[in-house]
Amino acid sequence: MNTKCAECDGPINVPNDVIVGEIVSCRDCGVEYEVSEIRGGVALLKPAETVEEDWGE
């Protein structure tokens, strides 16, 4: 499965055996996406949540 990056419009290769919750990234810009749903053989992606470092605040 292939899709396009929302950030740079580059190609994102999504493996055929991908599962919901898996993280895929754009090879061009490095943005990471989480597979939110698989519908009709198409993986729907949403931006992956980034974990900010906690400085004890």
Protein backbone atom coordinates (compact mmCIF):
# COMPACT_ATOMS: atom_id res chain seq x y z
CA MET A 1 0.00 0.00 0.00
CA ASN A 2 1.26 3.46 -0.80
CA THR A 3 0.00 6.81 0.38
CA LYS A 4 1.29 10.38 0.45
CA CYS A 5 2.75 12.41 3.30
CA ALA A 6 0.50 15.25 4.43
CA GLU A 7 3.56 17.34 5.27
CA CYS A 8 5.72 17.13 2.14
CA ASP A 9 3.56 15.12 -0.31
CA GLY A 10 6.29 12.45 -0.47
CA PRO A 11 5.45 8.76 -0.85
CA ILE A 12 4.88 6.62 2.24
CA ASN A 13 5.18 2.88 1.72
CA VAL A 14 2.77 1.11 4.09
CA PRO A 15 3.43 -2.65 4.39
CA ASN A 16 0.55 -4.92 3.32
CA ASP A 17 0.60 -6.63 6.74
CA VAL A 18 0.35 -3.35 8.71
CA ILE A 19 -1.81 -3.34 11.85
CA VAL A 20 -3.77 -0.56 13.55
CA GLY A 21 -1.51 1.36 15.92
CA GLU A 22 1.66 0.72 13.93
CA ILE A 23 3.93 3.70 13.18
CA VAL A 24 5.11 4.45 9.65
CA SER A 25 7.25 7.37 8.57
CA CYS A 26 7.91 9.45 5.51
CA ARG A 27 11.33 8.72 4.00
CA ASP A 28 11.56 12.26 2.61
CA CYS A 29 10.85 14.43 5.67
CA GLY A 30 10.78 11.95 8.58
CA VAL A 31 7.27 12.77 9.84
CA GLU A 32 5.78 9.79 11.67
CA TYR A 33 2.19 8.62 11.26
CA GLU A 34 0.10 6.12 13.20
CA VAL A 35 -2.18 3.72 11.36
CA SER A 36 -5.59 4.65 12.77
CA GLU A 37 -7.79 2.38 10.66
CA ILE A 38 -7.65 -0.04 7.75
CA ARG A 39 -10.66 0.28 5.51
CA GLY A 40 -11.09 -1.54 2.21
CA GLY A 41 -7.38 -2.37 1.99
CA VAL A 42 -6.37 1.25 2.54
CA ALA A 43 -4.51 2.34 5.66
CA LEU A 44 -5.80 5.60 7.15
CA LEU A 45 -3.02 7.56 8.84
CA LYS A 46 -3.00 10.23 11.51
CA PRO A 47 -0.01 12.16 12.83
CA ALA A 48 1.75 10.12 15.51
CA GLU A 49 1.71 11.60 18.99
CA THR A 50 5.07 12.86 20.13
CA VAL A 51 6.08 12.41 23.73
CA GLU A 52 7.52 15.58 25.15
CA GLU A 53 10.29 15.29 27.69
CA ASP A 54 9.14 15.94 31.24
CA TRP A 55 11.53 18.24 33.04
CA GLY A 56 9.91 17.60 36.42
CA GLU A 57 7.41 20.41 36.16
